[in-house]
Amino acid sequence: MSLQHIEQHITELPNVTKLESFGYTFFFYGPEQVLPFVTFAASDNEHDNVSNLNRDGVFRVNIS
């Protein structure tokens, strides 16, 4: 399953908003946007460079 397919499915849910920052994509439920319920990381950055995400087709999904 591709990152785009998963992202499309999540954004089709009601009351979900998306925010991109620091190379991550955050998905929030409701207007408060306090804690994301899903986070995508598709590349390494200054906060995480040991995951080796800078490869084609590799990403990490965090679900809370």
Protein backbone atom coordinates (compact mmCIF):
# COMPACT_ATOMS: atom_id res chain seq x y z
CA MET A 1 0.00 0.00 0.00
CA SER A 2 1.42 3.38 -0.97
CA LEU A 3 1.76 6.41 1.26
CA GLN A 4 -0.59 8.33 -1.02
CA HIS A 5 -3.27 5.63 -0.75
CA ILE A 6 -3.13 5.64 3.06
CA GLU A 7 -3.17 9.46 3.14
CA GLN A 8 -6.20 9.57 0.85
CA HIS A 9 -8.09 7.12 3.07
CA ILE A 10 -7.33 9.12 6.23
CA THR A 11 -8.28 12.49 4.72
CA GLU A 12 -11.64 11.07 3.60
CA LEU A 13 -12.60 10.49 7.25
CA PRO A 14 -14.92 13.15 8.73
CA ASN A 15 -13.41 16.03 10.75
CA VAL A 16 -9.80 15.20 9.81
CA THR A 17 -7.27 17.91 9.00
CA LYS A 18 -3.69 17.58 7.77
CA LEU A 19 -0.59 19.58 8.70
CA GLU A 20 2.89 19.17 7.21
CA SER A 21 5.93 20.25 9.23
CA PHE A 22 9.60 19.20 9.68
CA GLY A 23 9.21 16.52 7.00
CA TYR A 24 6.29 14.91 8.82
CA THR A 25 2.61 14.82 7.93
CA PHE A 26 0.25 15.04 10.91
CA PHE A 27 -3.45 14.14 10.89
CA PHE A 28 -5.75 15.59 13.53
CA TYR A 29 -9.33 14.81 14.43
CA GLY A 30 -11.61 17.70 15.33
CA PRO A 31 -10.94 21.43 15.64
CA GLU A 32 -8.64 21.31 18.70
CA GLN A 33 -5.61 19.87 16.84
CA VAL A 34 -3.85 19.09 20.11
CA LEU A 35 -2.41 15.64 19.36
CA PRO A 36 -2.26 13.95 15.96
CA PHE A 37 -3.84 10.51 15.72
CA VAL A 38 -1.67 9.55 12.71
CA THR A 39 1.80 10.75 11.74
CA PHE A 40 3.73 9.96 8.54
CA ALA A 41 7.48 10.29 8.25
CA ALA A 42 8.78 9.83 4.71
CA SER A 43 12.32 11.16 5.05
CA ASP A 44 15.05 11.60 7.60
CA ASN A 45 15.44 14.98 9.25
CA GLU A 46 17.43 16.59 12.07
CA HIS A 47 15.18 14.94 14.70
CA ASP A 48 15.49 11.41 13.27
CA ASN A 49 18.25 10.32 10.96
CA VAL A 50 18.69 6.72 12.18
CA SER A 51 15.48 5.41 10.58
CA ASN A 52 17.04 5.61 7.11
CA LEU A 53 13.78 6.80 5.55
CA ASN A 54 15.54 8.52 2.64
CA ARG A 55 14.90 5.53 0.37
CA ASP A 56 12.30 5.24 -2.37
CA GLY A 57 8.99 3.84 -1.14
CA VAL A 58 10.03 3.76 2.54
CA PHE A 59 8.01 5.56 5.20
CA ARG A 60 6.92 5.21 8.82
CA VAL A 61 3.35 5.47 10.06
CA ASN A 62 2.67 6.20 13.73
CA ILE A 63 -0.91 5.58 14.88
CA SER A 64 -2.15 6.51 18.33
